[in-house]
Structure formats: C-alpha cells, structure tokens
Amino acid sequence: MPFNQYDLETLKNRLEQAPLAGYIYQHEQHMLILQEPFADDGSPLNVYVQHELTADQIGLQFGIRLKDGQAEYVLGITHSNQNPSYEIGAGNLRSDQKAFNLLYAFYNYPKAFYLVALPLAANSQALEKALEEQLFNKPELAFLETAVKTNPMGEQIQWMKAYILQQALDMKVRIQTSLL
C-alpha cells in the first residue's frame, strides 16, 4: 500500500474526512493522534480494558508517525492500577510519548506508558508480532496472562490480549482504508 507517498498534512486531511475520531491531534511535524476515537458505527470507541481481579487497566490510543519517510502505525498504551503510591505524571513522558498525553493526563494513577510501532502497511500477523514483542512480553504486564475467559466453544482465551489486538487491528484497517 502506498502510504509513504503522503505528507503529514495530506494524512491529516484524509483522516479527518473519515469518521475515525472526534479530532486529530498533530504532534510536532511528524505525528497524528486520534483523539476520542470512534467505532465503526460512529459511537465512541472503548479505549479502556480492565482486569476483573487485579483492577489493572490498559488504555489505548492510535496514531500515525512519519519516520524516515515511512508511515508507521503507532499505539500508545497506558497501564494503570489502584496503587496510588506510584504514579508517573504526564510531564515524565518523553519524545513521541508526549503526543499521547491527552489521554494520559486523565488516566487513573498511570504506572507506565508504552509505544508500539510498526509500518502502516504491515499485515495483521505483523501487528500481532509487534504487540507480542513490544508489549505483551513485559514482566510488569504479566497480569494479562491471567485475564482468561471461556469462549462459547469452551476454549480458554486471554481476553485482554485479544481485546487489545482486535481494537488495534480494527483501527489500523480503518486508518489504512481512509488513506486509500
């Protein structure tokens, strides 16, 4: 897919024409973040997922970054829990992490922030691999392994991981489609 032909202004115009978010935040001259993202039906997208036993919560944000002439799909992921003794303020975000501080600033006791990036044209297997390598294997996110539910076929699934993957994949496809 020819996403690398676009400059940031063209990308922003295309994204604004598609019903993807309430607004598009531009970070410096190389990054766009979808603020208040919409689901396919135009309703607000649930960007939070919470473990029912540990109360650990993940927040998702979606964006595009132009880096070295290449368009990248970028996920900003915030981890939070109910332990108020340790909190990272929005002022501690560095570099491209700062693009995601609008969600971060309203988050419940943020403990960590992660960026996951991959080429915008990457397929679903590459997205799954990037999430596994850049996010799911972090020791501080081990609670994701225990978020298990039984699906209608009787299989045990790690539902939080599946939810994060599905939301990330859906938004990546919707962004790609809006740029075609």
Protein backbone atom coordinates (compact mmCIF):
# COMPACT_ATOMS: atom_id res chain seq x y z
CA MET A 1 0.00 0.00 0.00
CA PRO A 2 1.43 3.38 -0.97
CA PHE A 3 1.10 5.17 2.39
CA ASN A 4 4.62 6.58 2.26
CA GLN A 5 3.66 8.98 -0.53
CA TYR A 6 1.68 11.22 1.84
CA ASP A 7 2.93 14.17 3.82
CA LEU A 8 1.50 14.89 7.27
CA GLU A 9 -0.99 17.48 6.02
CA THR A 10 -2.43 15.08 3.45
CA LEU A 11 -2.62 12.30 6.04
CA LYS A 12 -4.43 14.62 8.45
CA ASN A 13 -6.92 15.75 5.79
CA ARG A 14 -7.71 12.16 4.82
CA LEU A 15 -8.13 11.04 8.42
CA GLU A 16 -10.41 14.00 9.20
CA GLN A 17 -12.65 13.09 6.25
CA ALA A 18 -13.12 9.58 7.62
CA PRO A 19 -15.27 9.11 10.74
CA LEU A 20 -12.36 7.84 12.87
CA ALA A 21 -12.21 10.27 15.78
CA GLY A 22 -13.60 13.41 17.35
CA TYR A 23 -10.45 15.22 16.27
CA ILE A 24 -6.91 14.59 15.11
CA TYR A 25 -4.11 15.95 17.28
CA GLN A 26 -0.89 16.86 15.45
CA HIS A 27 2.29 16.35 17.46
CA GLU A 28 5.15 18.38 16.06
CA GLN A 29 5.64 17.86 12.33
CA HIS A 30 5.62 14.08 12.18
CA MET A 31 2.78 12.54 14.18
CA LEU A 32 -1.02 12.41 14.26
CA ILE A 33 -3.04 11.01 17.17
CA LEU A 34 -6.73 10.09 17.01
CA GLN A 35 -8.46 11.77 19.95
CA GLU A 36 -11.83 10.45 21.08
CA PRO A 37 -11.77 7.60 18.52
CA PHE A 38 -14.99 6.25 17.05
CA ALA A 39 -16.07 2.67 16.48
CA ASP A 40 -17.23 1.59 13.00
CA ASP A 41 -20.80 2.65 13.79
CA GLY A 42 -19.74 6.16 14.86
CA SER A 43 -20.17 5.54 18.58
CA PRO A 44 -17.31 6.30 20.98
CA LEU A 45 -14.70 3.54 20.95
CA ASN A 46 -13.98 1.93 24.32
CA VAL A 47 -10.25 2.52 24.67
CA TYR A 48 -10.02 1.06 28.19
CA VAL A 49 -9.93 -2.54 29.30
CA GLN A 50 -9.70 -3.65 32.92
CA HIS A 51 -8.75 -6.93 34.56
CA GLU A 52 -11.65 -8.08 36.71
CA LEU A 53 -9.49 -9.48 39.51
CA THR A 54 -6.45 -7.21 39.74
CA ALA A 55 -8.10 -3.92 38.64
CA ASP A 56 -5.13 -3.32 36.32
CA GLN A 57 -6.29 -1.21 33.41
CA ILE A 58 -4.95 -0.63 29.91
CA GLY A 59 -5.76 2.47 27.88
CA LEU A 60 -5.24 2.59 24.10
CA GLN A 61 -4.58 5.44 21.70
CA PHE A 62 -3.92 5.22 17.98
CA GLY A 63 -1.77 7.31 15.69
CA ILE A 64 0.37 7.64 12.60
CA ARG A 65 4.01 8.71 12.61
CA LEU A 66 6.15 9.70 9.66
CA LYS A 67 9.66 8.46 10.37
CA ASP A 68 12.47 8.47 7.85
CA GLY A 69 9.97 8.85 5.00
CA GLN A 70 7.94 5.86 6.17
CA ALA A 71 4.39 5.89 7.57
CA GLU A 72 4.10 3.97 10.83
CA TYR A 73 1.08 2.86 12.81
CA VAL A 74 1.69 3.76 16.45
CA LEU A 75 -0.16 2.63 19.55
CA GLY A 76 0.14 4.47 22.84
CA ILE A 77 -0.64 2.13 25.71
CA THR A 78 -1.06 3.25 29.31
CA HIS A 79 -1.04 0.84 32.24
CA SER A 80 -2.75 1.78 35.47
CA ASN A 81 -3.84 0.15 38.71
CA GLN A 82 -5.29 1.18 42.05
CA ASN A 83 -1.95 1.53 43.84
CA PRO A 84 -1.66 5.29 44.49
CA SER A 85 1.86 5.02 45.92
CA TYR A 86 3.47 5.04 42.50
CA GLU A 87 2.36 7.30 39.68
CA ILE A 88 4.04 8.70 36.59
CA GLY A 89 2.94 12.22 35.74
CA ALA A 90 2.30 13.32 32.16
CA GLY A 91 5.42 15.51 32.47
CA ASN A 92 7.54 12.36 32.54
CA LEU A 93 6.55 11.38 29.00
CA ARG A 94 9.45 11.82 26.58
CA SER A 95 9.81 12.40 22.87
CA ASP A 96 6.91 10.90 20.87
CA GLN A 97 5.28 9.68 24.07
CA LYS A 98 4.22 13.30 24.65
CA ALA A 99 1.82 13.01 21.69
CA PHE A 100 -0.34 10.74 23.82
CA ASN A 101 -0.55 12.90 26.95
CA LEU A 102 -4.15 13.98 26.34
CA LEU A 103 -5.42 10.52 27.29
CA TYR A 104 -2.63 10.04 29.77
CA ALA A 105 -3.46 13.19 31.75
CA PHE A 106 -6.96 11.91 32.57
CA TYR A 107 -5.91 8.39 33.42
CA ASN A 108 -6.35 6.64 36.76
CA TYR A 109 -2.98 6.51 38.55
CA PRO A 110 -0.80 5.80 35.49
CA LYS A 111 2.10 3.50 36.23
CA ALA A 112 3.65 3.03 32.82
CA PHE A 113 3.40 4.10 29.21
CA TYR A 114 4.41 2.07 26.16
CA LEU A 115 4.68 2.79 22.45
CA VAL A 116 4.19 0.05 19.89
CA ALA A 117 5.13 0.95 16.33
CA LEU A 118 5.17 -0.88 13.01
CA PRO A 119 4.86 0.04 9.33
CA LEU A 120 1.36 1.25 8.48
CA ALA A 121 1.19 -1.22 5.60
CA ALA A 122 2.02 -4.19 7.85
CA ASN A 123 -0.43 -7.10 7.89
CA SER A 124 -2.32 -8.50 10.88
CA GLN A 125 0.38 -11.08 11.65
CA ALA A 126 2.98 -8.31 11.86
CA LEU A 127 0.72 -6.34 14.22
CA GLU A 128 0.24 -9.39 16.43
CA LYS A 129 4.01 -9.99 16.45
CA ALA A 130 4.72 -6.33 17.29
CA LEU A 131 2.27 -6.41 20.20
CA GLU A 132 3.80 -9.64 21.49
CA GLU A 133 7.39 -8.37 21.20
CA GLN A 134 6.89 -4.74 22.21
CA LEU A 135 4.14 -5.06 24.82
CA PHE A 136 2.79 -8.43 25.94
CA ASN A 137 6.18 -9.85 26.97
CA LYS A 138 6.85 -7.10 29.55
CA PRO A 139 7.05 -8.54 33.08
CA GLU A 140 5.02 -5.68 34.55
CA LEU A 141 2.12 -6.67 32.27
CA ALA A 142 2.08 -10.31 33.41
CA PHE A 143 -1.48 -9.77 34.66
CA LEU A 144 -2.56 -10.03 31.01
CA GLU A 145 -1.80 -13.75 31.21
CA THR A 146 -4.37 -14.21 33.97
CA ALA A 147 -7.22 -12.40 32.22
CA VAL A 148 -8.80 -15.60 30.94
CA LYS A 149 -12.36 -16.33 29.86
CA THR A 150 -14.01 -19.31 28.25
CA ASN A 151 -15.44 -18.64 24.80
CA PRO A 152 -18.67 -20.26 23.51
CA MET A 153 -16.65 -23.18 22.10
CA GLY A 154 -15.24 -23.97 25.54
CA GLU A 155 -11.75 -22.65 24.78
CA GLN A 156 -9.80 -20.60 27.30
CA ILE A 157 -8.74 -17.26 25.78
CA GLN A 158 -6.67 -14.44 27.18
CA TRP A 159 -9.41 -11.91 26.64
CA MET A 160 -7.49 -8.70 27.46
CA LYS A 161 -4.77 -9.54 24.97
CA ALA A 162 -7.43 -10.47 22.41
CA TYR A 163 -9.29 -7.19 23.04
CA ILE A 164 -6.13 -5.08 22.64
CA LEU A 165 -5.19 -6.93 19.46
CA GLN A 166 -8.69 -6.62 17.99
CA GLN A 167 -9.01 -2.89 18.73
CA ALA A 168 -5.52 -2.23 17.36
CA LEU A 169 -6.20 -4.27 14.22
CA ASP A 170 -9.62 -2.71 13.60
CA MET A 171 -8.26 0.82 13.89
CA LYS A 172 -5.23 0.03 11.71
CA VAL A 173 -7.50 -1.29 8.96
CA ARG A 174 -9.82 1.71 9.28
CA ILE A 175 -6.86 4.11 9.05
CA GLN A 176 -5.49 2.26 6.03
CA THR A 177 -8.89 2.30 4.33
CA SER A 178 -9.31 6.04 4.92
CA LEU A 179 -5.99 6.66 3.14
CA LEU A 180 -6.73 4.65 0.01
